[in-house]
Amino acid sequence: LWQQRWPSCPPVGYKLRDPYRGVWVRFHSLPGSKRYAEDE
């Protein structure tokens, strides 16, 4: 299924950015674009 949908990319999420730039989207998880949660 992956190879049918994303033939120009191995099954590695971040590698979708370049060959599929037109459909790539990133959702920020924390306020201020902070990347990692530090507490509950």
All heavy atoms as atom14 arrays in JSON, in Angstrom:
{
  "sequence": "LWQQRWPSCPPVGYKLRDPYRGVWVRFHSLPGSKRYAEDE",
  "atom14_mask": [
    [1, 1, 1, 1, 1, 1, 1, 1, 0, 0, 0, 0, 0, 0],
    [1, 1, 1, 1, 1, 1, 1, 1, 1, 1, 1, 1, 1, 1],
    [1, 1, 1, 1, 1, 1, 1, 1, 1, 0, 0, 0, 0, 0],
    [1, 1, 1, 1, 1, 1, 1, 1, 1, 0, 0, 0, 0, 0],
    [1, 1, 1, 1, 1, 1, 1, 1, 1, 1, 1, 0, 0, 0],
    [1, 1, 1, 1, 1, 1, 1, 1, 1, 1, 1, 1, 1, 1],
    [1, 1, 1, 1, 1, 1, 1, 0, 0, 0, 0, 0, 0, 0],
    [1, 1, 1, 1, 1, 1, 0, 0, 0, 0, 0, 0, 0, 0],
    [1, 1, 1, 1, 1, 1, 0, 0, 0, 0, 0, 0, 0, 0],
    [1, 1, 1, 1, 1, 1, 1, 0, 0, 0, 0, 0, 0, 0],
    [1, 1, 1, 1, 1, 1, 1, 0, 0, 0, 0, 0, 0, 0],
    [1, 1, 1, 1, 1, 1, 1, 0, 0, 0, 0, 0, 0, 0],
    [1, 1, 1, 1, 0, 0, 0, 0, 0, 0, 0, 0, 0, 0],
    [1, 1, 1, 1, 1, 1, 1, 1, 1, 1, 1, 1, 0, 0],
    [1, 1, 1, 1, 1, 1, 1, 1, 1, 0, 0, 0, 0, 0],
    [1, 1, 1, 1, 1, 1, 1, 1, 0, 0, 0, 0, 0, 0],
    [1, 1, 1, 1, 1, 1, 1, 1, 1, 1, 1, 0, 0, 0],
    [1, 1, 1, 1, 1, 1, 1, 1, 0, 0, 0, 0, 0, 0],
    [1, 1, 1, 1, 1, 1, 1, 0, 0, 0, 0, 0, 0, 0],
    [1, 1, 1, 1, 1, 1, 1, 1, 1, 1, 1, 1, 0, 0],
    [1, 1, 1, 1, 1, 1, 1, 1, 1, 1, 1, 0, 0, 0],
    [1, 1, 1, 1, 0, 0, 0, 0, 0, 0, 0, 0, 0, 0],
    [1, 1, 1, 1, 1, 1, 1, 0, 0, 0, 0, 0, 0, 0],
    [1, 1, 1, 1, 1, 1, 1, 1, 1, 1, 1, 1, 1, 1],
    [1, 1, 1, 1, 1, 1, 1, 0, 0, 0, 0, 0, 0, 0],
    [1, 1, 1, 1, 1, 1, 1, 1, 1, 1, 1, 0, 0, 0],
    [1, 1, 1, 1, 1, 1, 1, 1, 1, 1, 1, 0, 0, 0],
    [1, 1, 1, 1, 1, 1, 1, 1, 1, 1, 0, 0, 0, 0],
    [1, 1, 1, 1, 1, 1, 0, 0, 0, 0, 0, 0, 0, 0],
    [1, 1, 1, 1, 1, 1, 1, 1, 0, 0, 0, 0, 0, 0],
    [1, 1, 1, 1, 1, 1, 1, 0, 0, 0, 0, 0, 0, 0],
    [1, 1, 1, 1, 0, 0, 0, 0, 0, 0, 0, 0, 0, 0],
    [1, 1, 1, 1, 1, 1, 0, 0, 0, 0, 0, 0, 0, 0],
    [1, 1, 1, 1, 1, 1, 1, 1, 1, 0, 0, 0, 0, 0],
    [1, 1, 1, 1, 1, 1, 1, 1, 1, 1, 1, 0, 0, 0],
    [1, 1, 1, 1, 1, 1, 1, 1, 1, 1, 1, 1, 0, 0],
    [1, 1, 1, 1, 1, 0, 0, 0, 0, 0, 0, 0, 0, 0],
    [1, 1, 1, 1, 1, 1, 1, 1, 1, 0, 0, 0, 0, 0],
    [1, 1, 1, 1, 1, 1, 1, 1, 0, 0, 0, 0, 0, 0],
    [1, 1, 1, 1, 1, 1, 1, 1, 1, 0, 0, 0, 0, 0]
  ],
  "atom14_positions": [
    [[0.83, -1.2, 0.0], [0.0, 0.0, 0.0], [0.87, 1.26, 0.0], [0.61, 2.21, -0.74], [-0.94, 0.0, 1.21], [-1.89, 1.18, 1.34], [-2.82, 1.28, 0.14], [-2.69, 1.06, 2.63], [0.0, 0.0, 0.0], [0.0, 0.0, 0.0], [0.0, 0.0, 0.0], [0.0, 0.0, 0.0], [0.0, 0.0, 0.0], [0.0, 0.0, 0.0]],
    [[1.92, 1.27, 0.84], [2.84, 2.42, 0.87], [3.45, 2.63, -0.51], [3.5, 3.75, -1.02], [3.93, 2.2, 1.91], [4.88, 3.36, 1.97], [5.91, 3.64, 1.12], [4.86, 4.43, 2.92], [6.54, 4.81, 1.49], [5.91, 5.31, 2.59], [4.07, 4.72, 4.03], [6.19, 6.45, 3.32], [4.35, 5.86, 4.75], [5.4, 6.72, 4.4]],
    [[3.94, 1.57, -1.13], [4.6, 1.7, -2.43], [3.64, 2.17, -3.52], [4.05, 2.87, -4.44], [5.26, 0.37, -2.82], [6.44, 0.07, -1.92], [7.0, -1.34, -2.11], [6.37, -2.2, -2.69], [8.19, -1.57, -1.56], [0.0, 0.0, 0.0], [0.0, 0.0, 0.0], [0.0, 0.0, 0.0], [0.0, 0.0, 0.0], [0.0, 0.0, 0.0]],
    [[2.36, 1.82, -3.41], [1.37, 2.32, -4.37], [1.13, 3.81, -4.19], [1.01, 4.55, -5.16], [0.05, 1.58, -4.2], [0.06, 0.15, -4.66], [-1.23, -0.58, -4.29], [-2.18, 0.02, -3.78], [-1.26, -1.87, -4.54], [0.0, 0.0, 0.0], [0.0, 0.0, 0.0], [0.0, 0.0, 0.0], [0.0, 0.0, 0.0], [0.0, 0.0, 0.0]],
    [[1.05, 4.23, -2.94], [0.69, 5.63, -2.66], [1.88, 6.58, -2.7], [1.73, 7.75, -3.01], [0.02, 5.72, -1.29], [-1.21, 4.87, -1.19], [-2.44, 5.7, -0.92], [-3.64, 4.89, -1.02], [-4.49, 4.69, -0.04], [-4.28, 5.22, 1.14], [-5.56, 3.97, -0.23], [0.0, 0.0, 0.0], [0.0, 0.0, 0.0], [0.0, 0.0, 0.0]],
    [[3.05, 6.1, -2.3], [4.23, 6.96, -2.19], [5.43, 6.32, -2.89], [6.44, 6.04, -2.28], [4.57, 7.22, -0.72], [3.39, 7.59, 0.12], [2.76, 6.83, 1.04], [2.69, 8.83, 0.1], [1.71, 7.51, 1.6], [1.65, 8.75, 1.04], [2.84, 10.01, -0.62], [0.76, 9.8, 1.27], [1.96, 11.06, -0.4], [0.94, 10.94, 0.54]],
    [[5.35, 6.09, -4.21], [6.4, 5.32, -4.9], [7.78, 5.98, -4.93], [8.78, 5.3, -5.12], [5.84, 5.18, -6.33], [4.88, 6.31, -6.49], [4.3, 6.53, -5.12], [0.0, 0.0, 0.0], [0.0, 0.0, 0.0], [0.0, 0.0, 0.0], [0.0, 0.0, 0.0], [0.0, 0.0, 0.0], [0.0, 0.0, 0.0], [0.0, 0.0, 0.0]],
    [[7.85, 7.27, -4.71], [9.15, 7.96, -4.77], [9.81, 8.08, -3.41], [10.74, 8.88, -3.25], [8.96, 9.37, -5.36], [8.48, 9.28, -6.68], [0.0, 0.0, 0.0], [0.0, 0.0, 0.0], [0.0, 0.0, 0.0], [0.0, 0.0, 0.0], [0.0, 0.0, 0.0], [0.0, 0.0, 0.0], [0.0, 0.0, 0.0], [0.0, 0.0, 0.0]],
    [[9.36, 7.29, -2.43], [9.87, 7.47, -1.08], [9.82, 6.16, -0.29], [8.83, 5.45, -0.34], [9.0, 8.52, -0.38], [9.54, 8.93, 1.28], [0.0, 0.0, 0.0], [0.0, 0.0, 0.0], [0.0, 0.0, 0.0], [0.0, 0.0, 0.0], [0.0, 0.0, 0.0], [0.0, 0.0, 0.0], [0.0, 0.0, 0.0], [0.0, 0.0, 0.0]],
    [[10.89, 5.85, 0.44], [10.83, 4.69, 1.33], [9.89, 4.98, 2.49], [9.53, 6.13, 2.72], [12.28, 4.54, 1.82], [12.83, 5.92, 1.74], [12.15, 6.56, 0.55], [0.0, 0.0, 0.0], [0.0, 0.0, 0.0], [0.0, 0.0, 0.0], [0.0, 0.0, 0.0], [0.0, 0.0, 0.0], [0.0, 0.0, 0.0], [0.0, 0.0, 0.0]],
    [[9.45, 3.97, 3.24], [8.51, 4.21, 4.34], [9.16, 4.86, 5.56], [9.27, 4.29, 6.64], [7.97, 2.81, 4.65], [9.05, 1.89, 4.19], [9.72, 2.57, 3.03], [0.0, 0.0, 0.0], [0.0, 0.0, 0.0], [0.0, 0.0, 0.0], [0.0, 0.0, 0.0], [0.0, 0.0, 0.0], [0.0, 0.0, 0.0], [0.0, 0.0, 0.0]],
    [[9.61, 6.09, 5.37], [10.21, 6.89, 6.42], [9.54, 8.25, 6.36], [9.72, 8.99, 5.38], [11.74, 7.02, 6.22], [12.37, 7.87, 7.31], [12.41, 5.65, 6.14], [0.0, 0.0, 0.0], [0.0, 0.0, 0.0], [0.0, 0.0, 0.0], [0.0, 0.0, 0.0], [0.0, 0.0, 0.0], [0.0, 0.0, 0.0], [0.0, 0.0, 0.0]],
    [[8.75, 8.57, 7.38], [7.9, 9.75, 7.36], [8.56, 11.04, 6.93], [8.07, 11.73, 6.03], [0.0, 0.0, 0.0], [0.0, 0.0, 0.0], [0.0, 0.0, 0.0], [0.0, 0.0, 0.0], [0.0, 0.0, 0.0], [0.0, 0.0, 0.0], [0.0, 0.0, 0.0], [0.0, 0.0, 0.0], [0.0, 0.0, 0.0], [0.0, 0.0, 0.0]],
    [[9.69, 11.4, 7.53], [10.28, 12.7, 7.23], [10.8, 12.78, 5.8], [10.98, 13.88, 5.26], [11.39, 13.05, 8.22], [12.68, 12.28, 8.03], [13.68, 12.75, 7.18], [12.9, 11.07, 8.69], [14.85, 12.05, 7.0], [14.07, 10.37, 8.53], [15.04, 10.86, 7.68], [16.2, 10.16, 7.49], [0.0, 0.0, 0.0], [0.0, 0.0, 0.0]],
    [[11.01, 11.64, 5.15], [11.5, 11.66, 3.78], [10.4, 11.99, 2.77], [10.68, 12.19, 1.6], [12.16, 10.32, 3.43], [13.46, 10.12, 4.18], [14.21, 8.93, 3.68], [15.57, 8.86, 4.37], [16.43, 7.85, 3.77], [0.0, 0.0, 0.0], [0.0, 0.0, 0.0], [0.0, 0.0, 0.0], [0.0, 0.0, 0.0], [0.0, 0.0, 0.0]],
    [[9.16, 12.08, 3.23], [8.06, 12.48, 2.35], [8.13, 13.96, 1.98], [7.58, 14.39, 0.98], [6.71, 12.22, 3.04], [6.27, 10.77, 3.14], [5.13, 10.65, 4.15], [5.87, 10.24, 1.79], [0.0, 0.0, 0.0], [0.0, 0.0, 0.0], [0.0, 0.0, 0.0], [0.0, 0.0, 0.0], [0.0, 0.0, 0.0], [0.0, 0.0, 0.0]],
    [[8.82, 14.76, 2.8], [8.86, 16.21, 2.59], [9.31, 16.61, 1.2], [8.69, 17.46, 0.57], [9.79, 16.87, 3.6], [9.13, 17.25, 4.87], [10.09, 17.98, 5.74], [11.21, 17.1, 6.07], [11.88, 17.14, 7.19], [11.61, 18.04, 8.09], [12.86, 16.3, 7.42], [0.0, 0.0, 0.0], [0.0, 0.0, 0.0], [0.0, 0.0, 0.0]],
    [[10.41, 16.07, 0.73], [10.96, 16.54, -0.54], [10.18, 16.04, -1.77], [9.72, 16.85, -2.55], [12.45, 16.19, -0.65], [13.28, 16.98, 0.34], [12.93, 18.15, 0.63], [14.27, 16.44, 0.85], [0.0, 0.0, 0.0], [0.0, 0.0, 0.0], [0.0, 0.0, 0.0], [0.0, 0.0, 0.0], [0.0, 0.0, 0.0], [0.0, 0.0, 0.0]],
    [[10.01, 14.73, -1.96], [9.32, 14.31, -3.19], [7.83, 14.64, -3.2], [7.23, 14.72, -4.26], [9.54, 12.8, -3.24], [9.85, 12.39, -1.85], [10.51, 13.59, -1.2], [0.0, 0.0, 0.0], [0.0, 0.0, 0.0], [0.0, 0.0, 0.0], [0.0, 0.0, 0.0], [0.0, 0.0, 0.0], [0.0, 0.0, 0.0], [0.0, 0.0, 0.0]],
    [[7.23, 14.88, -2.04], [5.79, 15.15, -1.97], [5.51, 16.49, -1.28], [4.57, 16.63, -0.52], [5.07, 14.0, -1.26], [5.23, 12.71, -2.01], [6.13, 11.74, -1.58], [4.51, 12.47, -3.17], [6.29, 10.56, -2.29], [4.66, 11.3, -3.88], [5.56, 10.35, -3.43], [5.72, 9.18, -4.14], [0.0, 0.0, 0.0], [0.0, 0.0, 0.0]],
    [[6.33, 17.48, -1.59], [6.21, 18.79, -0.96], [4.81, 19.39, -1.1], [4.32, 20.06, -0.21], [7.25, 19.75, -1.53], [7.28, 21.09, -0.84], [8.53, 21.87, -1.12], [9.75, 21.28, -0.62], [10.18, 21.32, 0.63], [9.44, 21.9, 1.54], [11.31, 20.77, 0.99], [0.0, 0.0, 0.0], [0.0, 0.0, 0.0], [0.0, 0.0, 0.0]],
    [[4.13, 19.11, -2.19], [2.81, 19.66, -2.43], [1.73, 19.15, -1.49], [0.69, 19.77, -1.35], [0.0, 0.0, 0.0], [0.0, 0.0, 0.0], [0.0, 0.0, 0.0], [0.0, 0.0, 0.0], [0.0, 0.0, 0.0], [0.0, 0.0, 0.0], [0.0, 0.0, 0.0], [0.0, 0.0, 0.0], [0.0, 0.0, 0.0], [0.0, 0.0, 0.0]],
    [[1.97, 18.02, -0.84], [0.97, 17.47, 0.08], [1.52, 17.33, 1.5], [0.84, 16.81, 2.38], [0.43, 16.1, -0.41], [-0.34, 16.27, -1.71], [1.55, 15.08, -0.56], [0.0, 0.0, 0.0], [0.0, 0.0, 0.0], [0.0, 0.0, 0.0], [0.0, 0.0, 0.0], [0.0, 0.0, 0.0], [0.0, 0.0, 0.0], [0.0, 0.0, 0.0]],
    [[2.74, 17.75, 1.72], [3.37, 17.64, 3.04], [2.75, 18.67, 3.98], [2.52, 19.81, 3.61], [4.87, 17.89, 2.93], [5.57, 17.94, 4.25], [5.93, 19.06, 4.92], [5.95, 16.85, 5.07], [6.53, 18.74, 6.11], [6.55, 17.38, 6.24], [5.85, 15.48, 4.95], [7.05, 16.58, 7.25], [6.34, 14.68, 5.96], [6.94, 15.23, 7.09]],
    [[2.48, 18.26, 5.21], [1.97, 19.18, 6.21], [2.59, 18.8, 7.56], [2.88, 17.63, 7.81], [0.42, 19.15, 6.29], [-0.08, 17.81, 6.75], [-0.1, 20.25, 7.18], [0.0, 0.0, 0.0], [0.0, 0.0, 0.0], [0.0, 0.0, 0.0], [0.0, 0.0, 0.0], [0.0, 0.0, 0.0], [0.0, 0.0, 0.0], [0.0, 0.0, 0.0]],
    [[2.81, 19.8, 8.36], [3.35, 19.55, 9.7], [2.44, 20.24, 10.7], [2.11, 21.41, 10.54], [4.76, 20.1, 9.82], [5.32, 19.89, 11.22], [6.73, 20.4, 11.32], [7.19, 20.26, 12.69], [8.34, 20.7, 13.12], [9.17, 21.29, 12.3], [8.68, 20.54, 14.37], [0.0, 0.0, 0.0], [0.0, 0.0, 0.0], [0.0, 0.0, 0.0]],
    [[2.05, 19.52, 11.73], [1.24, 20.07, 12.79], [2.12, 20.26, 14.01], [2.79, 19.32, 14.44], [0.08, 19.13, 13.13], [-0.88, 18.96, 11.99], [-0.79, 17.87, 11.16], [-1.86, 19.91, 11.75], [-1.67, 17.71, 10.1], [-2.73, 19.76, 10.69], [-2.64, 18.66, 9.87], [0.0, 0.0, 0.0], [0.0, 0.0, 0.0], [0.0, 0.0, 0.0]],
    [[2.13, 21.47, 14.54], [2.91, 21.73, 15.73], [2.17, 21.17, 16.94], [0.97, 21.34, 17.09], [3.17, 23.23, 15.89], [4.07, 23.75, 14.83], [5.44, 23.76, 14.96], [3.82, 24.24, 13.6], [5.98, 24.24, 13.87], [5.02, 24.54, 13.02], [0.0, 0.0, 0.0], [0.0, 0.0, 0.0], [0.0, 0.0, 0.0], [0.0, 0.0, 0.0]],
    [[2.9, 20.49, 17.78], [2.29, 19.76, 18.9], [2.12, 20.6, 20.15], [1.25, 20.31, 20.97], [3.15, 18.54, 19.24], [3.26, 17.72, 18.11], [0.0, 0.0, 0.0], [0.0, 0.0, 0.0], [0.0, 0.0, 0.0], [0.0, 0.0, 0.0], [0.0, 0.0, 0.0], [0.0, 0.0, 0.0], [0.0, 0.0, 0.0], [0.0, 0.0, 0.0]],
    [[2.93, 21.6, 20.32], [2.89, 22.4, 21.55], [2.89, 23.89, 21.21], [3.38, 24.29, 20.15], [4.08, 22.08, 22.44], [4.06, 20.69, 23.09], [5.43, 20.34, 23.64], [3.01, 20.64, 24.18], [0.0, 0.0, 0.0], [0.0, 0.0, 0.0], [0.0, 0.0, 0.0], [0.0, 0.0, 0.0], [0.0, 0.0, 0.0], [0.0, 0.0, 0.0]],
    [[2.37, 24.71, 22.1], [2.41, 26.16, 21.88], [3.83, 26.65, 21.64], [4.8, 26.1, 22.19], [1.84, 26.73, 23.18], [1.0, 25.64, 23.75], [1.69, 24.36, 23.35], [0.0, 0.0, 0.0], [0.0, 0.0, 0.0], [0.0, 0.0, 0.0], [0.0, 0.0, 0.0], [0.0, 0.0, 0.0], [0.0, 0.0, 0.0], [0.0, 0.0, 0.0]],
    [[3.96, 27.67, 20.82], [5.27, 28.24, 20.54], [6.16, 27.33, 19.71], [7.37, 27.49, 19.69], [0.0, 0.0, 0.0], [0.0, 0.0, 0.0], [0.0, 0.0, 0.0], [0.0, 0.0, 0.0], [0.0, 0.0, 0.0], [0.0, 0.0, 0.0], [0.0, 0.0, 0.0], [0.0, 0.0, 0.0], [0.0, 0.0, 0.0], [0.0, 0.0, 0.0]],
    [[5.57, 26.36, 19.02], [6.31, 25.39, 18.2], [7.31, 24.57, 18.99], [8.26, 24.02, 18.43], [7.02, 26.08, 17.03], [6.07, 26.68, 16.18], [0.0, 0.0, 0.0], [0.0, 0.0, 0.0], [0.0, 0.0, 0.0], [0.0, 0.0, 0.0], [0.0, 0.0, 0.0], [0.0, 0.0, 0.0], [0.0, 0.0, 0.0], [0.0, 0.0, 0.0]],
    [[7.12, 24.46, 20.28], [7.97, 23.62, 21.11], [7.82, 22.18, 20.63], [6.73, 21.72, 20.33], [7.53, 23.74, 22.58], [8.42, 22.99, 23.54], [7.98, 23.27, 24.97], [8.82, 22.48, 25.94], [8.4, 22.73, 27.32], [0.0, 0.0, 0.0], [0.0, 0.0, 0.0], [0.0, 0.0, 0.0], [0.0, 0.0, 0.0], [0.0, 0.0, 0.0]],
    [[8.92, 21.45, 20.55], [8.9, 20.13, 19.94], [8.58, 19.0, 20.9], [7.95, 18.03, 20.51], [10.24, 19.86, 19.27], [10.46, 20.78, 18.08], [11.66, 20.4, 17.31], [11.36, 19.17, 16.57], [11.97, 18.8, 15.48], [12.92, 19.53, 14.99], [11.65, 17.68, 14.88], [0.0, 0.0, 0.0], [0.0, 0.0, 0.0], [0.0, 0.0, 0.0]],
    [[9.03, 19.06, 22.14], [8.89, 17.92, 23.04], [8.22, 18.31, 24.35], [8.58, 19.32, 24.95], [10.26, 17.3, 23.33], [10.99, 16.88, 22.08], [12.05, 17.61, 21.59], [10.57, 15.75, 21.37], [12.7, 17.24, 20.42], [11.22, 15.37, 20.21], [12.28, 16.11, 19.74], [12.92, 15.74, 18.58], [0.0, 0.0, 0.0], [0.0, 0.0, 0.0]],
    [[7.28, 17.48, 24.76], [6.61, 17.71, 26.05], [7.58, 17.41, 27.18], [8.38, 16.48, 27.1], [5.39, 16.8, 26.15], [0.0, 0.0, 0.0], [0.0, 0.0, 0.0], [0.0, 0.0, 0.0], [0.0, 0.0, 0.0], [0.0, 0.0, 0.0], [0.0, 0.0, 0.0], [0.0, 0.0, 0.0], [0.0, 0.0, 0.0], [0.0, 0.0, 0.0]],
    [[7.5, 18.22, 28.23], [8.4, 18.04, 29.37], [7.67, 17.64, 30.65], [8.32, 17.26, 31.62], [9.19, 19.33, 29.61], [10.13, 19.65, 28.47], [10.88, 20.95, 28.69], [10.75, 21.56, 29.78], [11.6, 21.36, 27.77], [0.0, 0.0, 0.0], [0.0, 0.0, 0.0], [0.0, 0.0, 0.0], [0.0, 0.0, 0.0], [0.0, 0.0, 0.0]],
    [[6.34, 17.75, 30.66], [5.61, 17.36, 31.86], [4.22, 16.86, 31.46], [3.85, 16.89, 30.29], [5.52, 18.52, 32.87], [4.88, 19.76, 32.3], [3.91, 19.64, 31.51], [5.32, 20.87, 32.66], [0.0, 0.0, 0.0], [0.0, 0.0, 0.0], [0.0, 0.0, 0.0], [0.0, 0.0, 0.0], [0.0, 0.0, 0.0], [0.0, 0.0, 0.0]],
    [[3.44, 16.4, 32.46], [2.13, 15.81, 32.18], [1.17, 16.8, 31.52], [0.4, 16.42, 30.64], [1.52, 15.25, 33.46], [2.17, 13.97, 33.94], [2.11, 12.84, 32.92], [1.04, 12.62, 32.31], [3.14, 12.17, 32.72], [0.0, 0.0, 0.0], [0.0, 0.0, 0.0], [0.0, 0.0, 0.0], [0.0, 0.0, 0.0], [0.0, 0.0, 0.0]]
  ]
}
